């Protein structure tokens, strides 16, 4: 997933959460279509994985039921843009892009 994105980096710099050097590295990575730094105060290492979605047990990842992971993994390809929406779908959405770290997922609509 592409996090932090340019808007996240801009907010982080504005709010003194990251340094100018960290901001510049995030922006360089995004322009080069590389994974941005994951070890800043903005956080990172956000994944989509199985092991159940009935409770909020992750530290920011998207957790799905194992069956849904298998379904999504079968249709999502590396680099494909997906949209993650609340279930049932609601007004807030965030578009994310998989990098080379794709593992699996579902009840997410591939676009």
PDB file of N, CA and C in Angstrom:
ATOM      1  N   UNK A   1       0.850  -1.164   0.000  1.00  0.00           N
ATOM      2  CA  UNK A   1       0.000   0.000   0.000  1.00  0.00           C
ATOM      3  C   UNK A   1       0.901   1.234   0.000  1.00  0.00           C
ATOM      4  N   UNK A   2       0.433   2.246  -0.633  1.00  0.00           N
ATOM      5  CA  UNK A   2       1.230   3.456  -0.747  1.00  0.00           C
ATOM      6  C   UNK A   2       0.910   4.396   0.410  1.00  0.00           C
ATOM      7  N   UNK A   3       1.622   4.241   1.487  1.00  0.00           N
ATOM      8  CA  UNK A   3       1.484   5.111   2.646  1.00  0.00           C
ATOM      9  C   UNK A   3       2.860   5.285   3.247  1.00  0.00           C
ATOM     10  N   UNK A   4       3.221   6.473   3.611  1.00  0.00           N
ATOM     11  CA  UNK A   4       2.472   7.717   3.489  1.00  0.00           C
ATOM     12  C   UNK A   4       2.457   8.226   2.051  1.00  0.00           C
ATOM     13  N   UNK A   5       1.386   8.952   1.712  1.00  0.00           N
ATOM     14  CA  UNK A   5       1.304   9.561   0.382  1.00  0.00           C
ATOM     15  C   UNK A   5       1.743  11.026   0.473  1.00  0.00           C
ATOM     16  N   UNK A   6       1.630  11.764  -0.620  1.00  0.00           N
ATOM     17  CA  UNK A   6       2.098  13.157  -0.655  1.00  0.00           C
ATOM     18  C   UNK A   6       1.339  14.033   0.342  1.00  0.00           C
ATOM     19  N   UNK A   7       0.038  13.840   0.450  1.00  0.00           N
ATOM     20  CA  UNK A   7      -0.748  14.642   1.398  1.00  0.00           C
ATOM     21  C   UNK A   7      -0.348  14.334   2.839  1.00  0.00           C
ATOM     22  N   UNK A   8      -0.088  13.052   3.135  1.00  0.00           N
ATOM     23  CA  UNK A   8       0.358  12.675   4.478  1.00  0.00           C
ATOM     24  C   UNK A   8       1.701  13.318   4.798  1.00  0.00           C
ATOM     25  N   UNK A   9       2.617  13.285   3.823  1.00  0.00           N
ATOM     26  CA  UNK A   9       3.944  13.869   4.022  1.00  0.00           C
ATOM     27  C   UNK A   9       3.845  15.380   4.237  1.00  0.00           C
ATOM     28  N   UNK A  10       3.006  16.042   3.460  1.00  0.00           N
ATOM     29  CA  UNK A  10       2.840  17.491   3.598  1.00  0.00           C
ATOM     30  C   UNK A  10       2.297  17.837   4.990  1.00  0.00           C
ATOM     31  N   UNK A  11       1.289  17.075   5.425  1.00  0.00           N
ATOM     32  CA  UNK A  11       0.729  17.297   6.769  1.00  0.00           C
ATOM     33  C   UNK A  11       1.783  17.038   7.841  1.00  0.00           C
ATOM     34  N   UNK A  12       2.565  15.958   7.680  1.00  0.00           N
ATOM     35  CA  UNK A  12       3.609  15.632   8.644  1.00  0.00           C
ATOM     36  C   UNK A  12       4.669  16.707   8.753  1.00  0.00           C
ATOM     37  N   UNK A  13       5.063  17.271   7.619  1.00  0.00           N
ATOM     38  CA  UNK A  13       6.051  18.353   7.629  1.00  0.00           C
ATOM     39  C   UNK A  13       5.456  19.596   8.274  1.00  0.00           C
ATOM     40  N   UNK A  14       4.231  19.941   7.885  1.00  0.00           N
ATOM     41  CA  UNK A  14       3.551  21.122   8.430  1.00  0.00           C
ATOM     42  C   UNK A  14       3.405  21.030   9.953  1.00  0.00           C
ATOM     43  N   UNK A  15       3.092  19.833  10.446  1.00  0.00           N
ATOM     44  CA  UNK A  15       2.845  19.644  11.874  1.00  0.00           C
ATOM     45  C   UNK A  15       4.091  19.237  12.655  1.00  0.00           C
ATOM     46  N   UNK A  16       5.262  19.357  12.006  1.00  0.00           N
ATOM     47  CA  UNK A  16       6.547  19.006  12.638  1.00  0.00           C
ATOM     48  C   UNK A  16       6.630  17.557  13.112  1.00  0.00           C
ATOM     49  N   UNK A  17       5.965  16.668  12.402  1.00  0.00           N
ATOM     50  CA  UNK A  17       6.056  15.248  12.721  1.00  0.00           C
ATOM     51  C   UNK A  17       7.244  14.600  12.036  1.00  0.00           C
ATOM     52  N   UNK A  18       7.631  15.156  10.892  1.00  0.00           N
ATOM     53  CA  UNK A  18       8.784  14.655  10.149  1.00  0.00           C
ATOM     54  C   UNK A  18       9.683  15.823   9.779  1.00  0.00           C
ATOM     55  N   UNK A  19      10.931  15.498   9.487  1.00  0.00           N
ATOM     56  CA  UNK A  19      11.895  16.518   9.083  1.00  0.00           C
ATOM     57  C   UNK A  19      11.751  16.812   7.591  1.00  0.00           C
ATOM     58  N   UNK A  20      12.386  17.885   7.146  1.00  0.00           N
ATOM     59  CA  UNK A  20      12.397  18.218   5.718  1.00  0.00           C
ATOM     60  C   UNK A  20      13.083  17.099   4.933  1.00  0.00           C
ATOM     61  N   UNK A  21      14.133  16.526   5.505  1.00  0.00           N
ATOM     62  CA  UNK A  21      14.837  15.422   4.829  1.00  0.00           C
ATOM     63  C   UNK A  21      13.919  14.207   4.681  1.00  0.00           C
ATOM     64  N   UNK A  22      13.132  13.896   5.690  1.00  0.00           N
ATOM     65  CA  UNK A  22      12.191  12.783   5.598  1.00  0.00           C
ATOM     66  C   UNK A  22      11.100  13.080   4.571  1.00  0.00           C
ATOM     67  N   UNK A  23      10.607  14.306   4.574  1.00  0.00           N
ATOM     68  CA  UNK A  23       9.610  14.722   3.585  1.00  0.00           C
ATOM     69  C   UNK A  23      10.171  14.538   2.174  1.00  0.00           C
ATOM     70  N   UNK A  24      11.400  15.028   1.962  1.00  0.00           N
ATOM     71  CA  UNK A  24      12.017  14.916   0.639  1.00  0.00           C
ATOM     72  C   UNK A  24      12.185  13.463   0.219  1.00  0.00           C
ATOM     73  N   UNK A  25      12.554  12.589   1.148  1.00  0.00           N
ATOM     74  CA  UNK A  25      12.727  11.168   0.816  1.00  0.00           C
ATOM     75  C   UNK A  25      11.388  10.517   0.473  1.00  0.00           C
ATOM     76  N   UNK A  26      10.339  10.863   1.190  1.00  0.00           N
ATOM     77  CA  UNK A  26       9.006  10.338   0.873  1.00  0.00           C
ATOM     78  C   UNK A  26       8.609  10.776  -0.536  1.00  0.00           C
ATOM     79  N   UNK A  27       8.805  12.043  -0.826  1.00  0.00           N
ATOM     80  CA  UNK A  27       8.413  12.560  -2.140  1.00  0.00           C
ATOM     81  C   UNK A  27       9.242  11.929  -3.258  1.00  0.00           C
ATOM     82  N   UNK A  28      10.547  11.730  -3.036  1.00  0.00           N
ATOM     83  CA  UNK A  28      11.395  11.066  -4.045  1.00  0.00           C
ATOM     84  C   UNK A  28      10.896   9.650  -4.300  1.00  0.00           C
ATOM     85  N   UNK A  29      10.566   8.945  -3.238  1.00  0.00           N
ATOM     86  CA  UNK A  29      10.078   7.570  -3.367  1.00  0.00           C
ATOM     87  C   UNK A  29       8.762   7.540  -4.148  1.00  0.00           C
ATOM     88  N   UNK A  30       7.860   8.450  -3.846  1.00  0.00           N
ATOM     89  CA  UNK A  30       6.573   8.478  -4.537  1.00  0.00           C
ATOM     90  C   UNK A  30       6.748   8.781  -6.022  1.00  0.00           C
ATOM     91  N   UNK A  31       7.624   9.737  -6.346  1.00  0.00           N
ATOM     92  CA  UNK A  31       7.859  10.072  -7.756  1.00  0.00           C
ATOM     93  C   UNK A  31       8.480   8.895  -8.514  1.00  0.00           C
ATOM     94  N   UNK A  32       9.314   8.125  -7.824  1.00  0.00           N
ATOM     95  CA  UNK A  32       9.982   6.975  -8.448  1.00  0.00           C
ATOM     96  C   UNK A  32       9.118   5.708  -8.380  1.00  0.00           C
ATOM     97  N   UNK A  33       7.912   5.852  -7.823  1.00  0.00           N
ATOM     98  CA  UNK A  33       6.990   4.719  -7.654  1.00  0.00           C
ATOM     99  C   UNK A  33       7.622   3.618  -6.814  1.00  0.00           C
ATOM    100  N   UNK A  34       8.363   4.054  -5.782  1.00  0.00           N
ATOM    101  CA  UNK A  34       8.949   3.138  -4.806  1.00  0.00           C
ATOM    102  C   UNK A  34       8.164   3.246  -3.498  1.00  0.00           C
ATOM    103  N   UNK A  35       8.349   2.288  -2.645  1.00  0.00           N
ATOM    104  CA  UNK A  35       7.729   2.305  -1.325  1.00  0.00           C
ATOM    105  C   UNK A  35       8.338   3.434  -0.502  1.00  0.00           C
ATOM    106  N   UNK A  36       7.511   4.335   0.032  1.00  0.00           N
ATOM    107  CA  UNK A  36       8.053   5.421   0.840  1.00  0.00           C
ATOM    108  C   UNK A  36       8.598   4.903   2.173  1.00  0.00           C
ATOM    109  N   UNK A  37       9.455   5.683   2.824  1.00  0.00           N
ATOM    110  CA  UNK A  37       9.994   5.266   4.124  1.00  0.00           C
ATOM    111  C   UNK A  37       8.862   4.906   5.092  1.00  0.00           C
ATOM    112  N   UNK A  38       9.060   3.821   5.827  1.00  0.00           N
ATOM    113  CA  UNK A  38       8.026   3.309   6.722  1.00  0.00           C
ATOM    114  C   UNK A  38       8.324   3.550   8.194  1.00  0.00           C
ATOM    115  N   UNK A  39       9.479   4.071   8.512  1.00  0.00           N
ATOM    116  CA  UNK A  39       9.887   4.197   9.918  1.00  0.00           C
ATOM    117  C   UNK A  39       9.971   5.657  10.367  1.00  0.00           C
ATOM    118  N   UNK A  40       9.019   6.473   9.921  1.00  0.00           N
ATOM    119  CA  UNK A  40       8.965   7.858  10.392  1.00  0.00           C
ATOM    120  C   UNK A  40       7.835   7.970  11.410  1.00  0.00           C
ATOM    121  N   UNK A  41       7.665   9.147  11.978  1.00  0.00           N
ATOM    122  CA  UNK A  41       6.574   9.378  12.935  1.00  0.00           C
ATOM    123  C   UNK A  41       5.200   9.257  12.278  1.00  0.00           C
ATOM    124  N   UNK A  42       5.153   9.266  10.945  1.00  0.00           N
ATOM    125  CA  UNK A  42       3.879   9.082  10.252  1.00  0.00           C
ATOM    126  C   UNK A  42       3.420   7.629  10.299  1.00  0.00           C
ATOM    127  N   UNK A  43       4.323   6.738  10.603  1.00  0.00           N
ATOM    128  CA  UNK A  43       3.984   5.319  10.643  1.00  0.00           C
ATOM    129  C   UNK A  43       4.161   4.681   9.283  1.00  0.00           C
ATOM    130  N   UNK A  44       3.781   3.432   9.201  1.00  0.00           N
ATOM    131  CA  UNK A  44       3.916   2.691   7.958  1.00  0.00           C
ATOM    132  C   UNK A  44       3.662   1.222   8.192  1.00  0.00           C
ATOM    133  N   UNK A  45       4.190   0.394   7.309  1.00  0.00           N
ATOM    134  CA  UNK A  45       4.002  -1.059   7.388  1.00  0.00           C
ATOM    135  C   UNK A  45       2.530  -1.420   7.539  1.00  0.00           C
ATOM    136  N   UNK A  46       1.700  -0.837   6.674  1.00  0.00           N
ATOM    137  CA  UNK A  46       0.274  -1.134   6.654  1.00  0.00           C
ATOM    138  C   UNK A  46       0.038  -2.206   5.601  1.00  0.00           C
ATOM    139  N   UNK A  47      -0.570  -3.293   6.014  1.00  0.00           N
ATOM    140  CA  UNK A  47      -0.783  -4.429   5.124  1.00  0.00           C
ATOM    141  C   UNK A  47      -2.250  -4.833   5.103  1.00  0.00           C
ATOM    142  N   UNK A  48      -2.580  -5.692   4.177  1.00  0.00           N
ATOM    143  CA  UNK A  48      -3.885  -6.336   4.125  1.00  0.00           C
ATOM    144  C   UNK A  48      -3.608  -7.806   4.369  1.00  0.00           C
ATOM    145  N   UNK A  49      -4.246  -8.381   5.388  1.00  0.00           N
ATOM    146  CA  UNK A  49      -3.979  -9.776   5.723  1.00  0.00           C
ATOM    147  C   UNK A  49      -5.189 -10.458   6.324  1.00  0.00           C
ATOM    148  N   UNK A  50      -5.087 -11.745   6.505  1.00  0.00           N
ATOM    149  CA  UNK A  50      -6.161 -12.561   7.054  1.00  0.00           C
ATOM    150  C   UNK A  50      -6.106 -12.643   8.566  1.00  0.00           C
ATOM    151  N   UNK A  51      -6.685 -13.689   9.101  1.00  0.00           N
ATOM    152  CA  UNK A  51      -6.796 -13.990  10.535  1.00  0.00           C
ATOM    153  C   UNK A  51      -7.984 -13.325  11.196  1.00  0.00           C
ATOM    154  N   UNK A  52      -8.921 -12.837  10.412  1.00  0.00           N
ATOM    155  CA  UNK A  52     -10.181 -12.381  10.976  1.00  0.00           C
ATOM    156  C   UNK A  52     -10.366 -10.892  11.047  1.00  0.00           C
ATOM    157  N   UNK A  53     -11.610 -10.473  10.808  1.00  0.00           N
ATOM    158  CA  UNK A  53     -11.958  -9.055  10.822  1.00  0.00           C
ATOM    159  C   UNK A  53     -13.052  -8.752  11.829  1.00  0.00           C
ATOM    160  N   UNK A  54     -13.328  -9.672  12.727  1.00  0.00           N
ATOM    161  CA  UNK A  54     -14.424  -9.481  13.669  1.00  0.00           C
ATOM    162  C   UNK A  54     -14.095  -8.504  14.791  1.00  0.00           C
ATOM    163  N   UNK A  55     -12.809  -8.317  15.083  1.00  0.00           N
ATOM    164  CA  UNK A  55     -12.398  -7.366  16.122  1.00  0.00           C
ATOM    165  C   UNK A  55     -11.290  -6.482  15.573  1.00  0.00           C
ATOM    166  N   UNK A  56     -11.013  -5.405  16.266  1.00  0.00           N
ATOM    167  CA  UNK A  56      -9.952  -4.477  15.860  1.00  0.00           C
ATOM    168  C   UNK A  56      -8.663  -4.871  16.570  1.00  0.00           C
ATOM    169  N   UNK A  57      -7.952  -5.832  15.990  1.00  0.00           N
ATOM    170  CA  UNK A  57      -6.768  -6.367  16.641  1.00  0.00           C
ATOM    171  C   UNK A  57      -5.465  -5.939  15.976  1.00  0.00           C
ATOM    172  N   UNK A  58      -5.548  -5.247  14.839  1.00  0.00           N
ATOM    173  CA  UNK A  58      -4.321  -4.855  14.146  1.00  0.00           C
ATOM    174  C   UNK A  58      -3.846  -3.486  14.618  1.00  0.00           C
ATOM    175  N   UNK A  59      -2.679  -3.091  14.201  1.00  0.00           N
ATOM    176  CA  UNK A  59      -2.123  -1.776  14.522  1.00  0.00           C
ATOM    177  C   UNK A  59      -2.219  -0.886  13.296  1.00  0.00           C
ATOM    178  N   UNK A  60      -3.350  -0.902  12.609  1.00  0.00           N
ATOM    179  CA  UNK A  60      -3.550  -0.057  11.444  1.00  0.00           C
ATOM    180  C   UNK A  60      -3.689  -0.798  10.136  1.00  0.00           C
ATOM    181  N   UNK A  61      -3.453  -2.106  10.150  1.00  0.00           N
ATOM    182  CA  UNK A  61      -3.614  -2.904   8.940  1.00  0.00           C
ATOM    183  C   UNK A  61      -5.092  -3.127   8.641  1.00  0.00           C
ATOM    184  N   UNK A  62      -5.350  -3.640   7.459  1.00  0.00           N
ATOM    185  CA  UNK A  62      -6.698  -4.046   7.082  1.00  0.00           C
ATOM    186  C   UNK A  62      -6.759  -5.559   7.273  1.00  0.00           C
ATOM    187  N   UNK A  63      -7.576  -5.999   8.221  1.00  0.00           N
ATOM    188  CA  UNK A  63      -7.701  -7.437   8.500  1.00  0.00           C
ATOM    189  C   UNK A  63      -8.982  -7.957   7.879  1.00  0.00           C
ATOM    190  N   UNK A  64      -8.886  -9.088   7.223  1.00  0.00           N
ATOM    191  CA  UNK A  64     -10.023  -9.726   6.573  1.00  0.00           C
ATOM    192  C   UNK A  64     -10.113 -11.179   7.015  1.00  0.00           C
ATOM    193  N   UNK A  65     -11.257 -11.768   6.727  1.00  0.00           N
ATOM    194  CA  UNK A  65     -11.394 -13.198   6.972  1.00  0.00           C
ATOM    195  C   UNK A  65     -10.496 -13.931   5.980  1.00  0.00           C
ATOM    196  N   UNK A  66      -9.983 -15.075   6.372  1.00  0.00           N
ATOM    197  CA  UNK A  66      -9.072 -15.833   5.505  1.00  0.00           C
ATOM    198  C   UNK A  66      -9.696 -16.159   4.155  1.00  0.00           C
ATOM    199  N   UNK A  67     -10.978 -16.482   4.138  1.00  0.00           N
ATOM    200  CA  UNK A  67     -11.668 -16.768   2.877  1.00  0.00           C
ATOM    201  C   UNK A  67     -11.641 -15.548   1.955  1.00  0.00           C
ATOM    202  N   UNK A  68     -11.822 -14.359   2.523  1.00  0.00           N
ATOM    203  CA  UNK A  68     -11.793 -13.133   1.728  1.00  0.00           C
ATOM    204  C   UNK A  68     -10.393 -12.850   1.199  1.00  0.00           C
ATOM    205  N   UNK A  69      -9.387 -13.144   1.988  1.00  0.00           N
ATOM    206  CA  UNK A  69      -8.003 -12.974   1.544  1.00  0.00           C
ATOM    207  C   UNK A  69      -7.745 -13.835   0.309  1.00  0.00           C
ATOM    208  N   UNK A  70      -8.141 -15.079   0.380  1.00  0.00           N
ATOM    209  CA  UNK A  70      -7.922 -15.987  -0.766  1.00  0.00           C
ATOM    210  C   UNK A  70      -8.646 -15.472  -2.008  1.00  0.00           C
ATOM    211  N   UNK A  71      -9.860 -14.970  -1.825  1.00  0.00           N
ATOM    212  CA  UNK A  71     -10.633 -14.449  -2.958  1.00  0.00           C
ATOM    213  C   UNK A  71      -9.938 -13.239  -3.588  1.00  0.00           C
ATOM    214  N   UNK A  72      -9.516 -12.319  -2.770  1.00  0.00           N
ATOM    215  CA  UNK A  72      -8.866 -11.115  -3.294  1.00  0.00           C
ATOM    216  C   UNK A  72      -7.521 -11.437  -3.936  1.00  0.00           C
ATOM    217  N   UNK A  73      -6.750 -12.281  -3.290  1.00  0.00           N
ATOM    218  CA  UNK A  73      -5.445 -12.643  -3.821  1.00  0.00           C
ATOM    219  C   UNK A  73      -5.559 -13.226  -5.223  1.00  0.00           C
ATOM    220  N   UNK A  74      -6.661 -13.904  -5.484  1.00  0.00           N
ATOM    221  CA  UNK A  74      -6.874 -14.519  -6.795  1.00  0.00           C
ATOM    222  C   UNK A  74      -7.121 -13.484  -7.889  1.00  0.00           C
ATOM    223  N   UNK A  75      -7.593 -12.287  -7.540  1.00  0.00           N
ATOM    224  CA  UNK A  75      -7.949 -11.312  -8.575  1.00  0.00           C
ATOM    225  C   UNK A  75      -7.084 -10.054  -8.593  1.00  0.00           C
ATOM    226  N   UNK A  76      -6.406  -9.734  -7.507  1.00  0.00           N
ATOM    227  CA  UNK A  76      -5.601  -8.511  -7.447  1.00  0.00           C
ATOM    228  C   UNK A  76      -4.176  -8.818  -7.870  1.00  0.00           C
ATOM    229  N   UNK A  77      -3.653  -8.003  -8.764  1.00  0.00           N
ATOM    230  CA  UNK A  77      -2.285  -8.164  -9.243  1.00  0.00           C
ATOM    231  C   UNK A  77      -1.396  -7.072  -8.662  1.00  0.00           C
ATOM    232  N   UNK A  78      -0.113  -7.326  -8.555  1.00  0.00           N
ATOM    233  CA  UNK A  78       0.838  -6.340  -8.055  1.00  0.00           C
ATOM    234  C   UNK A  78       0.738  -5.073  -8.896  1.00  0.00           C
ATOM    235  N   UNK A  79       0.650  -3.920  -8.230  1.00  0.00           N
ATOM    236  CA  UNK A  79       0.565  -2.645  -8.916  1.00  0.00           C
ATOM    237  C   UNK A  79      -0.852  -2.188  -9.212  1.00  0.00           C
ATOM    238  N   UNK A  80      -1.831  -3.051  -9.027  1.00  0.00           N
ATOM    239  CA  UNK A  80      -3.221  -2.702  -9.293  1.00  0.00           C
ATOM    240  C   UNK A  80      -3.713  -1.711  -8.235  1.00  0.00           C
ATOM    241  N   UNK A  81      -4.457  -0.706  -8.668  1.00  0.00           N
ATOM    242  CA  UNK A  81      -5.055   0.244  -7.732  1.00  0.00           C
ATOM    243  C   UNK A  81      -6.357  -0.325  -7.218  1.00  0.00           C
ATOM    244  N   UNK A  82      -6.548  -0.264  -5.909  1.00  0.00           N
ATOM    245  CA  UNK A  82      -7.787  -0.722  -5.299  1.00  0.00           C
ATOM    246  C   UNK A  82      -8.369   0.402  -4.457  1.00  0.00           C
ATOM    247  N   UNK A  83      -9.649   0.308  -4.170  1.00  0.00           N
ATOM    248  CA  UNK A  83     -10.305   1.252  -3.271  1.00  0.00           C
ATOM    249  C   UNK A  83     -10.826   0.482  -2.073  1.00  0.00           C
ATOM    250  N   UNK A  84     -10.471   0.939  -0.902  1.00  0.00           N
ATOM    251  CA  UNK A  84     -10.940   0.309   0.326  1.00  0.00           C
ATOM    252  C   UNK A  84     -12.074   1.167   0.866  1.00  0.00           C
ATOM    253  N   UNK A  85     -13.245   0.545   1.049  1.00  0.00           N
ATOM    254  CA  UNK A  85     -14.419   1.251   1.552  1.00  0.00           C
ATOM    255  C   UNK A  85     -14.897   0.570   2.817  1.00  0.00           C
ATOM    256  N   UNK A  86     -15.525   1.329   3.709  1.00  0.00           N
ATOM    257  CA  UNK A  86     -16.137   0.679   4.872  1.00  0.00           C
ATOM    258  C   UNK A  86     -17.191  -0.313   4.394  1.00  0.00           C
ATOM    259  N   UNK A  87     -17.438  -1.332   5.166  1.00  0.00           N
ATOM    260  CA  UNK A  87     -18.448  -2.318   4.797  1.00  0.00           C
ATOM    261  C   UNK A  87     -19.595  -2.241   5.781  1.00  0.00           C
ATOM    262  N   UNK A  88     -20.847  -1.997   5.392  1.00  0.00           N
ATOM    263  CA  UNK A  88     -21.237  -1.718   4.011  1.00  0.00           C
ATOM    264  C   UNK A  88     -20.682  -0.373   3.584  1.00  0.00           C
ATOM    265  N   UNK A  89     -20.556  -0.185   2.277  1.00  0.00           N
ATOM    266  CA  UNK A  89     -19.865   0.989   1.768  1.00  0.00           C
ATOM    267  C   UNK A  89     -20.465   2.276   2.306  1.00  0.00           C
ATOM    268  N   UNK A  90     -19.601   3.220   2.593  1.00  0.00           N
ATOM    269  CA  UNK A  90     -20.000   4.506   3.131  1.00  0.00           C
ATOM    270  C   UNK A  90     -19.299   5.625   2.407  1.00  0.00           C
ATOM    271  N   UNK A  91     -19.402   6.838   2.909  1.00  0.00           N
ATOM    272  CA  UNK A  91     -18.871   7.990   2.193  1.00  0.00           C
ATOM    273  C   UNK A  91     -17.350   8.106   2.199  1.00  0.00           C
ATOM    274  N   UNK A  92     -16.666   7.535   3.198  1.00  0.00           N
ATOM    275  CA  UNK A  92     -15.221   7.691   3.272  1.00  0.00           C
ATOM    276  C   UNK A  92     -14.529   6.572   2.522  1.00  0.00           C
ATOM    277  N   UNK A  93     -13.696   6.917   1.589  1.00  0.00           N
ATOM    278  CA  UNK A  93     -12.900   5.922   0.873  1.00  0.00           C
ATOM    279  C   UNK A  93     -11.481   6.427   0.779  1.00  0.00           C
ATOM    280  N   UNK A  94     -10.572   5.524   0.553  1.00  0.00           N
ATOM    281  CA  UNK A  94      -9.176   5.885   0.338  1.00  0.00           C
ATOM    282  C   UNK A  94      -8.657   4.971  -0.755  1.00  0.00           C
ATOM    283  N   UNK A  95      -8.050   5.563  -1.758  1.00  0.00           N
ATOM    284  CA  UNK A  95      -7.478   4.772  -2.833  1.00  0.00           C
ATOM    285  C   UNK A  95      -6.038   4.450  -2.466  1.00  0.00           C
ATOM    286  N   UNK A  96      -5.679   3.208  -2.585  1.00  0.00           N
ATOM    287  CA  UNK A  96      -4.327   2.774  -2.253  1.00  0.00           C
ATOM    288  C   UNK A  96      -3.764   1.970  -3.409  1.00  0.00           C
ATOM    289  N   UNK A  97      -2.472   1.918  -3.506  1.00  0.00           N
ATOM    290  CA  UNK A  97      -1.834   1.139  -4.566  1.00  0.00           C
ATOM    291  C   UNK A  97      -0.921   0.108  -3.939  1.00  0.00           C
ATOM    292  N   UNK A  98      -1.011  -1.118  -4.407  1.00  0.00           N
ATOM    293  CA  UNK A  98      -0.113  -2.156  -3.927  1.00  0.00           C
ATOM    294  C   UNK A  98       1.254  -1.985  -4.571  1.00  0.00           C
ATOM    295  N   UNK A  99       2.278  -2.198  -3.801  1.00  0.00           N
ATOM    296  CA  UNK A  99       3.631  -2.265  -4.330  1.00  0.00           C
ATOM    297  C   UNK A  99       4.021  -3.721  -4.434  1.00  0.00           C
ATOM    298  N   UNK A 100       5.280  -4.002  -4.268  1.00  0.00           N
ATOM    299  CA  UNK A 100       5.732  -5.383  -4.390  1.00  0.00           C
ATOM    300  C   UNK A 100       5.389  -6.191  -3.148  1.00  0.00           C
ATOM    301  N   UNK A 101       4.772  -5.567  -2.144  1.00  0.00           N
ATOM    302  CA  UNK A 101       4.486  -6.235  -0.889  1.00  0.00           C
ATOM    303  C   UNK A 101       3.113  -6.902  -0.858  1.00  0.00           C
ATOM    304  N   UNK A 102       2.472  -7.030  -1.999  1.00  0.00           N
ATOM    305  CA  UNK A 102       1.132  -7.624  -1.987  1.00  0.00           C
ATOM    306  C   UNK A 102       1.167  -9.009  -1.342  1.00  0.00           C
ATOM    307  N   UNK A 103       0.257  -9.239  -0.459  1.00  0.00           N
ATOM    308  CA  UNK A 103       0.124 -10.536   0.191  1.00  0.00           C
ATOM    309  C   UNK A 103      -1.235 -11.136  -0.187  1.00  0.00           C
ATOM    310  N   UNK A 104      -2.316 -10.459   0.137  1.00  0.00           N
ATOM    311  CA  UNK A 104      -3.669 -10.933  -0.142  1.00  0.00           C
ATOM    312  C   UNK A 104      -4.738  -9.987   0.421  1.00  0.00           C
ATOM    313  N   UNK A 105      -6.080 -10.294   0.245  1.00  0.00           N
ATOM    314  CA  UNK A 105      -7.218  -9.566   0.849  1.00  0.00           C
ATOM    315  C   UNK A 105      -8.578  -9.693   0.161  1.00  0.00           C
ATOM    316  N   UNK A 106      -9.720  -9.080   0.703  1.00  0.00           N
ATOM    317  CA  UNK A 106     -11.038  -9.016   0.008  1.00  0.00           C
ATOM    318  C   UNK A 106     -12.139  -8.312   0.779  1.00  0.00           C
ATOM    319  N   UNK A 107     -13.339  -8.241   0.158  1.00  0.00           N
ATOM    320  CA  UNK A 107     -14.412  -7.315   0.485  1.00  0.00           C
ATOM    321  C   UNK A 107     -13.867  -5.915   0.246  1.00  0.00           C
ATOM    322  N   UNK A 108     -12.945  -5.867  -0.679  1.00  0.00           N
ATOM    323  CA  UNK A 108     -12.338  -4.661  -1.200  1.00  0.00           C
ATOM    324  C   UNK A 108     -12.602  -4.724  -2.696  1.00  0.00           C
ATOM    325  N   UNK A 109     -12.978  -3.618  -3.275  1.00  0.00           N
ATOM    326  CA  UNK A 109     -13.352  -3.631  -4.683  1.00  0.00           C
ATOM    327  C   UNK A 109     -12.179  -3.210  -5.546  1.00  0.00           C
ATOM    328  N   UNK A 110     -11.742  -4.098  -6.420  1.00  0.00           N
ATOM    329  CA  UNK A 110     -10.677  -3.749  -7.363  1.00  0.00           C
ATOM    330  C   UNK A 110     -11.258  -2.855  -8.431  1.00  0.00           C
ATOM    331  N   UNK A 111     -10.516  -1.818  -8.794  1.00  0.00           N
ATOM    332  CA  UNK A 111     -10.983  -0.883  -9.838  1.00  0.00           C
ATOM    333  C   UNK A 111     -10.020  -0.897 -11.010  1.00  0.00           C
TER     334      UNK A 111
END
